[in-house]
Every structure is written in structure tokens, then in C-alpha cells.
Amino acid sequence: MTTDLININFKLDGISYSQKNLVLHFKNNKPYHEFLTSWFDGNDFIIVKTSGSTGSPKFISLKKKDMISSAKLTAKYFKLPQGSKVINCLPLQYIAGKMMFVRSMVIGWDLNLFPVSSEPIKKISSVYDFVALTPMQLEKSLDKIKYVKTVIVGGSPVSSDLREKILKSESNVFETYGMTETITHIAARCLSKNEHKFSALPGIEFFEFNSCLAINTQHLSSELIKTNDVVTLHSSKQFSWLGRKDFIINSGGIKINPEEIETKLAKFFSNRLIVSSISDEVLGQKVVLVFEKNIPRNYKEFFVDLNQYEIPKNIFSIDSFPTTNGKINRLIIQKQIQDISI
């Protein structure tokens, strides 16, 4: 498999590296050195860490041949041949950052490392072919993405406000859907064309299992990958994402999707918000609204599109939303507001 692990045309910041020299180059950078050492260690598997945004982070093993297949699928789908000039500004601890490195090595891209920060490409000055960003990074890079031919954004949902801003840009931006278990994206929608449905990448089919999305992949070893994502399934190739089953609120026997309420409300407020729940003796759980920093004036005016079950029973604010790998950590916020309400 050694020849599949690194293409002879791979470059890092414009410079060619052999397998040995690449590992030596990062000898003083622990995350990169450990990852590259494990990538070239002769084992069939590599251990990766899940984000922990919906529960405790866990370590899972992925087959290197599956990671290679995923890399080739991305390159084919987004038309990124050998020699493409790409950017990585995602942390290497998680699958998205690892796969940017893997794709570059496997396909033979020229990988350019940018800061892992909220404004990673603010100093960009030349044209690149491809970059992967989180929604927060994209929000702060809208004036710079014109320098990148293809932008993918993932890790958490893209807000309606950010989608509107993308439509005003000339960039080619895709929102992707995936997870550690699927080795990043297995579906995408072009935000630049205002697409609302996620479409499967080649060789992938969608099903429903226990009211959630299930995924059949031809390029991975797993026959069927089950998720906790609630979706509207339009066909075996397309779905609309509604939210996480983990976050469904059961209030007096009524099942309420907080992420649907957030979509209705987010367009009215400039500060971030999430819909959560706290314990209630009568209802079991009651719907609450949490703002970051401060509670806007006249917020109740914007509940007009909500049905009687969706209207928040309490309003909270916290100074800053805690995040895990760039995603808002709802579990921590829920605990914070539960403690406040006692």
C-alpha cells in the first residue's frame, strides 16, 4: 500500500517531499509528526477522534484504504486533479484536517498550510484551487474566498444569513454533509446556486432507519452507516437535513425539533442563538431560547412564525457559546441554563 499512501507529485508549500523527509520536516510538530508516523507505519488502520459535539469524544479506527478511496472520490467529484493547489486551515486532531492532508498526499496536490484560526485566509494573495472551511471561518472570509476556485464548508449547519451572503459572492461554494464514520463528506449542495437539497456523491445511496438517515457507500468497507440525523428523504440520492435526533425535545409528549425553530428565528437576530430545553415537572422538558451575549429587545415580536409548541417558555443569555471543534456544544449550554434555572 506504500505507493498509495503518498503520490510522488505531492508538494507541501510548493516543495516536493519523500515519505521520510515529510516525517522529518514535522519532527518538532507533535500533531503532524504523530499523524504522519501512523500513516506510514505499515498498519492497515489509523485511529481518529470524533468531534464530541453531540456527546463525549471517542476514538475509532478507520481503514487506510477507505481513507484513500474517500480522497479519490473528493478529487473526482470536485474536479481537482494532480497538481491542484489547495489550502488546509483545519485542526489535524479531527478527520477534516487529517483528510485534507491525506487527499493531498494520495492525489498529489500542492498542500499549503494556513493558520488554524477564525480568519485563516485573511492574508491570501494568490489563487488556489480548493479549501475546506467551517461556517465561522467562511463567515469571516467572505471578502477573500474570491481567491479560491472551490470552497467547501461543513462541520455544522450553514445559517440562512450566511447562505444569503454567499449568493452575493462570485465564488463556487458547496456545503457538505458527512462525519468521522463516513470519512468526511458523502453529500453536497451548491450554495452558490442556492441548492437546498443535499445530493449524494457518486456510489452513495440514502435510506431511512429508525426515522433517521442511513447511508450505503460503495467506496467504504462499511455496508451501512446509521446516523442520528433526522431528514426528509426525497430519493435514494437526495435529502433535506432537519436536525439531530439527539436534540429532539419531548415537551408534554410533543416532539419538537430545535434546529427547525432556530432556522425560523436566526434571520431576525444579529447575535447567535440556539433553542434548547430545561426540565419541567409538568411537561418533562420545556422549550427555551438562548442568546449569546445579550437578549435583544422585542424578541417576542419574531415568534410570529412559530406554532404554539415551538414558542420558547423561557429566555436566557450567556456570555459566549462553548464550542467543540468549531461546533456549538449544545450539551454544555443545556447544563449551564439548567443550573441557572434552578
Protein backbone atom coordinates (compact mmCIF):
# COMPACT_ATOMS: atom_id res chain seq x y z
CA MET A 1 0.00 0.00 0.00
CA THR A 2 3.02 2.31 0.43
CA THR A 3 2.81 3.73 -3.07
CA ASP A 4 -0.87 4.59 -2.48
CA LEU A 5 -0.08 6.48 0.74
CA ILE A 6 1.89 9.25 -0.95
CA ASN A 7 1.99 10.34 -4.57
CA ILE A 8 5.44 11.21 -5.96
CA ASN A 9 3.98 14.52 -7.14
CA PHE A 10 2.84 15.61 -3.66
CA LYS A 11 4.13 19.00 -2.55
CA LEU A 12 4.00 20.92 0.71
CA ASP A 13 4.01 24.68 0.26
CA GLY A 14 5.37 24.17 -3.25
CA ILE A 15 8.22 21.84 -2.22
CA SER A 16 8.41 18.12 -3.07
CA TYR A 17 8.86 15.68 -0.17
CA SER A 18 9.56 11.99 0.09
CA GLN A 19 7.81 9.96 2.78
CA LYS A 20 10.90 10.04 5.03
CA ASN A 21 11.61 13.75 4.55
CA LEU A 22 7.99 14.66 5.17
CA VAL A 23 8.01 12.94 8.57
CA LEU A 24 11.35 14.60 9.42
CA HIS A 25 10.00 18.00 8.38
CA PHE A 26 7.40 17.80 11.16
CA LYS A 27 9.62 16.26 13.86
CA ASN A 28 9.06 19.28 16.12
CA ASN A 29 5.32 19.50 15.42
CA LYS A 30 3.75 16.77 17.53
CA PRO A 31 0.25 16.52 15.94
CA TYR A 32 1.60 16.35 12.38
CA HIS A 33 4.51 14.09 13.30
CA GLU A 34 2.28 11.60 15.12
CA PHE A 35 -0.26 11.55 12.31
CA LEU A 36 2.32 11.05 9.54
CA THR A 37 4.16 8.40 11.54
CA SER A 38 0.93 6.44 11.97
CA TRP A 39 0.01 6.98 8.30
CA PHE A 40 3.25 5.35 7.15
CA ASP A 41 3.61 2.72 9.93
CA GLY A 42 2.56 -0.28 7.82
CA ASN A 43 -0.71 -0.92 9.70
CA ASP A 44 -4.00 -1.11 7.83
CA PHE A 45 -5.85 1.14 10.28
CA ILE A 46 -5.44 4.61 11.75
CA ILE A 47 -7.04 5.87 14.97
CA VAL A 48 -9.07 9.09 14.73
CA LYS A 49 -11.03 11.15 17.26
CA THR A 50 -14.65 12.17 16.81
CA SER A 51 -15.59 15.79 17.45
CA GLY A 52 -17.63 15.23 20.62
CA SER A 53 -20.14 17.92 19.70
CA THR A 54 -23.12 15.65 20.43
CA GLY A 55 -21.59 13.60 23.24
CA SER A 56 -18.28 12.51 24.65
CA PRO A 57 -15.47 12.38 22.07
CA LYS A 58 -14.44 8.85 21.18
CA PHE A 59 -11.67 7.20 19.23
CA ILE A 60 -12.48 4.98 16.27
CA SER A 61 -10.29 3.12 13.81
CA LEU A 62 -10.56 3.74 10.08
CA LYS A 63 -9.10 1.67 7.30
CA LYS A 64 -6.39 3.50 5.39
CA LYS A 65 -7.69 2.03 2.14
CA ASP A 66 -11.08 3.64 2.90
CA MET A 67 -9.41 7.00 3.52
CA ILE A 68 -7.61 6.64 0.19
CA SER A 69 -10.90 5.83 -1.56
CA SER A 70 -12.55 8.84 0.06
CA ALA A 71 -9.69 11.08 -1.07
CA LYS A 72 -10.06 9.90 -4.67
CA LEU A 73 -13.83 10.41 -4.59
CA THR A 74 -13.41 14.02 -3.41
CA ALA A 75 -10.85 14.77 -6.09
CA LYS A 76 -13.09 13.32 -8.79
CA TYR A 77 -16.30 15.00 -7.60
CA PHE A 78 -14.81 18.47 -7.25
CA LYS A 79 -12.58 18.08 -10.34
CA LEU A 80 -9.27 18.51 -8.52
CA PRO A 81 -6.52 16.70 -10.45
CA GLN A 82 -2.92 16.07 -9.52
CA GLY A 83 -1.07 19.34 -9.03
CA SER A 84 -4.06 21.25 -7.65
CA LYS A 85 -3.05 24.00 -5.24
CA VAL A 86 -5.03 23.55 -2.01
CA ILE A 87 -5.23 25.04 1.48
CA ASN A 88 -5.60 23.37 4.86
CA CYS A 89 -6.62 25.54 7.82
CA LEU A 90 -8.41 22.87 9.87
CA PRO A 91 -7.01 21.22 13.03
CA LEU A 92 -5.25 17.93 12.44
CA GLN A 93 -6.77 16.35 15.55
CA TYR A 94 -10.02 15.64 13.70
CA ILE A 95 -10.99 13.88 10.50
CA ALA A 96 -11.50 17.00 8.34
CA GLY A 97 -7.94 18.21 8.88
CA LYS A 98 -6.48 14.73 8.51
CA MET A 99 -8.30 14.17 5.24
CA MET A 100 -7.02 17.42 3.71
CA PHE A 101 -3.52 16.06 4.28
CA VAL A 102 -4.47 12.56 3.06
CA ARG A 103 -6.09 13.88 -0.13
CA SER A 104 -3.04 15.97 -0.90
CA MET A 105 -0.66 13.06 -0.41
CA VAL A 106 -2.79 10.50 -2.25
CA ILE A 107 -3.76 12.64 -5.25
CA GLY A 108 -0.51 14.58 -5.50
CA TRP A 109 -1.75 18.06 -4.63
CA ASP A 110 0.32 21.05 -3.59
CA LEU A 111 -0.79 21.46 0.04
CA ASN A 112 -0.41 24.90 1.60
CA LEU A 113 -0.78 25.21 5.38
CA PHE A 114 -2.63 28.29 6.61
CA PRO A 115 -3.32 29.24 10.25
CA VAL A 116 -5.95 27.27 12.12
CA SER A 117 -7.94 30.32 13.19
CA SER A 118 -11.27 32.07 12.72
CA GLU A 119 -9.77 34.15 9.87
CA PRO A 120 -7.39 31.67 8.25
CA ILE A 121 -7.10 33.18 4.77
CA LYS A 122 -7.05 36.88 5.60
CA LYS A 123 -3.51 37.17 4.17
CA ILE A 124 -4.20 35.19 0.99
CA SER A 125 -2.78 36.91 -2.09
CA SER A 126 -2.71 34.33 -4.89
CA VAL A 127 -5.24 31.95 -6.43
CA TYR A 128 -5.84 28.46 -5.02
CA ASP A 129 -8.00 25.59 -6.26
CA PHE A 130 -9.60 24.29 -3.07
CA VAL A 131 -10.16 24.97 0.63
CA ALA A 132 -12.32 23.45 3.36
CA LEU A 133 -13.72 25.83 5.98
CA THR A 134 -16.05 25.77 8.96
CA PRO A 135 -19.09 28.09 8.78
CA MET A 136 -17.42 30.51 11.21
CA GLN A 137 -14.25 30.62 9.11
CA LEU A 138 -16.29 31.17 5.96
CA GLU A 139 -18.28 33.98 7.60
CA LYS A 140 -15.03 35.81 8.35
CA SER A 141 -13.50 35.08 4.93
CA LEU A 142 -16.23 36.21 2.52
CA ASP A 143 -14.06 39.01 1.14
CA LYS A 144 -11.20 36.56 0.48
CA ILE A 145 -12.85 33.44 -0.96
CA LYS A 146 -12.67 35.01 -4.42
CA TYR A 147 -9.07 33.76 -4.38
CA VAL A 148 -10.22 30.12 -4.11
CA LYS A 149 -11.93 28.38 -7.04
CA THR A 150 -13.82 25.79 -4.96
CA VAL A 151 -14.78 26.24 -1.31
CA ILE A 152 -16.41 23.55 0.79
CA VAL A 153 -17.96 24.30 4.17
CA GLY A 154 -19.01 21.78 6.77
CA GLY A 155 -18.80 20.64 10.36
CA SER A 156 -22.04 22.37 11.36
CA PRO A 157 -25.07 23.77 9.50
CA VAL A 158 -24.70 26.96 7.45
CA SER A 159 -27.10 29.64 8.65
CA SER A 160 -29.67 31.22 6.33
CA ASP A 161 -27.93 34.58 6.80
CA LEU A 162 -24.59 33.17 5.63
CA ARG A 163 -26.28 31.45 2.68
CA GLU A 164 -27.66 34.81 1.58
CA LYS A 165 -24.19 36.36 1.75
CA ILE A 166 -22.70 33.52 -0.31
CA LEU A 167 -25.23 34.17 -3.08
CA LYS A 168 -23.77 37.67 -3.44
CA SER A 169 -20.24 36.35 -3.96
CA GLU A 170 -18.75 35.03 -7.18
CA SER A 171 -17.16 32.00 -5.51
CA ASN A 172 -18.12 28.38 -6.00
CA VAL A 173 -19.20 27.29 -2.52
CA PHE A 174 -20.53 23.87 -1.51
CA GLU A 175 -21.98 22.86 1.84
CA THR A 176 -21.02 19.27 2.59
CA TYR A 177 -22.56 16.59 4.75
CA GLY A 178 -20.54 13.89 6.47
CA MET A 179 -18.99 12.67 9.70
CA THR A 180 -15.95 10.83 11.01
CA GLU A 181 -17.57 7.46 10.29
CA THR A 182 -18.14 8.36 6.62
CA ILE A 183 -14.59 9.79 6.41
CA THR A 184 -15.92 13.33 5.81
CA HIS A 185 -18.37 14.31 3.08
CA ILE A 186 -20.65 11.91 1.25
CA ALA A 187 -23.15 14.53 0.07
CA ALA A 188 -23.06 18.17 -1.00
CA ARG A 189 -25.22 21.06 -2.12
CA CYS A 190 -24.03 24.07 -4.08
CA LEU A 191 -24.80 27.17 -2.04
CA SER A 192 -23.66 29.39 -4.90
CA LYS A 193 -26.61 28.02 -6.90
CA ASN A 194 -28.96 28.22 -3.92
CA GLU A 195 -29.44 24.45 -3.79
CA HIS A 196 -31.48 23.30 -0.79
CA LYS A 197 -31.20 19.52 -1.08
CA PHE A 198 -28.06 17.52 -0.36
CA SER A 199 -27.13 15.26 -3.28
CA ALA A 200 -25.15 12.05 -2.93
CA LEU A 201 -21.61 11.81 -4.22
CA PRO A 202 -21.16 9.03 -6.81
CA GLY A 203 -21.69 5.50 -5.50
CA ILE A 204 -23.64 6.58 -2.40
CA GLU A 205 -27.29 5.84 -1.58
CA PHE A 206 -29.56 7.02 1.23
CA PHE A 207 -32.15 5.11 3.26
CA GLU A 208 -34.22 5.63 6.37
CA PHE A 209 -33.55 3.59 9.52
CA ASN A 210 -35.42 4.22 12.80
CA SER A 211 -36.62 7.57 11.39
CA CYS A 212 -33.02 8.68 10.72
CA LEU A 213 -30.71 8.80 7.73
CA ALA A 214 -28.74 5.68 6.85
CA ILE A 215 -26.00 5.64 4.23
CA ASN A 216 -24.82 2.94 1.88
CA THR A 217 -21.37 3.57 0.42
CA GLN A 218 -19.60 1.71 -2.37
CA HIS A 219 -16.18 3.25 -1.69
CA LEU A 220 -16.01 2.33 2.02
CA SER A 221 -15.85 -1.05 3.78
CA SER A 222 -18.93 -0.37 5.94
CA GLU A 223 -22.04 -1.69 4.21
CA LEU A 224 -24.49 0.59 6.00
CA ILE A 225 -23.74 3.61 8.20
CA LYS A 226 -26.54 4.64 10.56
CA THR A 227 -26.84 8.23 11.76
CA ASN A 228 -28.85 10.24 14.28
CA ASP A 229 -29.79 12.84 11.67
CA VAL A 230 -33.47 13.49 11.02
CA VAL A 231 -34.01 14.20 7.32
CA THR A 232 -36.64 14.45 4.64
CA LEU A 233 -35.66 11.75 2.16
CA HIS A 234 -36.52 12.84 -1.38
CA SER A 235 -34.95 9.83 -3.10
CA SER A 236 -32.08 7.40 -2.62
CA LYS A 237 -29.82 10.21 -3.86
CA GLN A 238 -31.20 13.35 -2.19
CA PHE A 239 -32.31 14.52 1.24
CA SER A 240 -33.03 17.69 3.20
CA TRP A 241 -31.44 17.87 6.64
CA LEU A 242 -33.78 18.75 9.52
CA GLY A 243 -31.70 18.25 12.68
CA ARG A 244 -30.25 15.76 15.15
CA LYS A 245 -32.42 13.15 16.81
CA ASP A 246 -30.22 13.62 19.89
CA PHE A 247 -31.56 17.16 20.31
CA ILE A 248 -35.28 16.45 19.82
CA ILE A 249 -37.26 17.99 22.70
CA ASN A 250 -40.15 15.98 24.16
CA SER A 251 -42.47 18.58 25.69
CA GLY A 252 -45.69 17.11 27.04
CA GLY A 253 -45.48 14.29 24.51
CA ILE A 254 -44.94 16.63 21.55
CA LYS A 255 -41.68 16.07 19.66
CA ILE A 256 -40.05 19.40 18.80
CA ASN A 257 -37.01 19.88 16.57
CA PRO A 258 -34.95 22.80 17.99
CA GLU A 259 -32.96 23.28 14.80
CA GLU A 260 -36.13 23.93 12.79
CA ILE A 261 -37.08 26.68 15.26
CA GLU A 262 -33.59 28.16 15.02
CA THR A 263 -33.90 28.38 11.24
CA LYS A 264 -37.13 30.35 11.63
CA LEU A 265 -35.63 32.76 14.19
CA ALA A 266 -32.00 33.24 13.14
CA LYS A 267 -32.81 35.60 10.26
CA PHE A 268 -34.23 38.16 12.71
CA PHE A 269 -31.27 38.45 15.09
CA SER A 270 -27.66 39.52 14.68
CA ASN A 271 -26.33 37.64 17.72
CA ARG A 272 -26.16 33.86 17.77
CA LEU A 273 -28.94 31.81 19.31
CA ILE A 274 -29.88 28.23 19.97
CA VAL A 275 -33.09 26.56 21.06
CA SER A 276 -32.65 24.19 23.98
CA SER A 277 -34.68 22.72 26.83
CA ILE A 278 -34.77 22.55 30.60
CA SER A 279 -36.54 20.10 32.91
CA ASP A 280 -40.16 20.79 33.77
CA GLU A 281 -42.31 18.92 36.29
CA VAL A 282 -45.42 19.05 34.10
CA LEU A 283 -44.07 18.90 30.53
CA GLY A 284 -40.95 16.83 31.18
CA GLN A 285 -38.97 19.27 29.02
CA LYS A 286 -39.84 22.81 28.06
CA VAL A 287 -38.53 24.78 25.10
CA VAL A 288 -36.18 27.68 25.89
CA LEU A 289 -34.29 30.18 23.76
CA VAL A 290 -30.65 31.03 24.50
CA PHE A 291 -28.92 34.10 23.08
CA GLU A 292 -25.19 34.72 23.03
CA LYS A 293 -24.13 37.91 24.90
CA ASN A 294 -27.46 39.67 25.36
CA ILE A 295 -31.20 39.28 24.90
CA PRO A 296 -32.46 41.52 22.05
CA ARG A 297 -35.31 43.92 22.64
CA ASN A 298 -38.79 42.99 21.48
CA TYR A 299 -37.69 39.41 20.75
CA LYS A 300 -41.26 38.15 21.19
CA GLU A 301 -42.30 40.00 18.04
CA PHE A 302 -40.40 37.45 15.99
CA PHE A 303 -42.24 34.41 17.34
CA VAL A 304 -45.00 35.00 14.78
CA ASP A 305 -43.89 32.10 12.56
CA LEU A 306 -43.74 29.62 15.45
CA ASN A 307 -46.56 27.28 16.37
CA GLN A 308 -47.83 27.07 19.95
CA TYR A 309 -45.47 24.22 20.85
CA GLU A 310 -42.38 25.92 19.43
CA ILE A 311 -42.71 29.21 21.32
CA PRO A 312 -39.96 29.35 23.99
CA LYS A 313 -41.17 29.28 27.58
CA ASN A 314 -38.00 30.92 28.95
CA ILE A 315 -35.26 33.15 27.54
CA PHE A 316 -31.63 33.02 28.62
CA SER A 317 -28.36 34.65 27.62
CA ILE A 318 -24.79 33.51 28.22
CA ASP A 319 -21.59 35.43 27.53
CA SER A 320 -20.16 33.03 24.97
CA PHE A 321 -21.34 29.82 23.34
CA PRO A 322 -18.89 26.99 24.11
CA THR A 323 -17.69 25.15 21.01
CA THR A 324 -16.10 21.80 20.24
CA ASN A 325 -14.15 21.58 17.00
CA GLY A 326 -15.89 24.70 15.74
CA LYS A 327 -19.41 23.45 16.55
CA ILE A 328 -21.64 24.92 19.24
CA ASN A 329 -21.70 22.43 22.12
CA ARG A 330 -25.37 22.18 22.96
CA LEU A 331 -24.85 19.77 25.84
CA ILE A 332 -22.69 22.22 27.77
CA ILE A 333 -25.14 25.07 27.12
CA GLN A 334 -28.06 22.94 28.25
CA LYS A 335 -26.28 22.18 31.52
CA GLN A 336 -25.46 25.86 32.03
CA ILE A 337 -29.04 27.05 31.59
CA GLN A 338 -30.37 24.16 33.68
CA ASP A 339 -28.10 25.30 36.52
CA ILE A 340 -29.26 28.92 36.06
CA SER A 341 -32.93 27.94 36.19
CA ILE A 342 -32.64 26.03 39.48
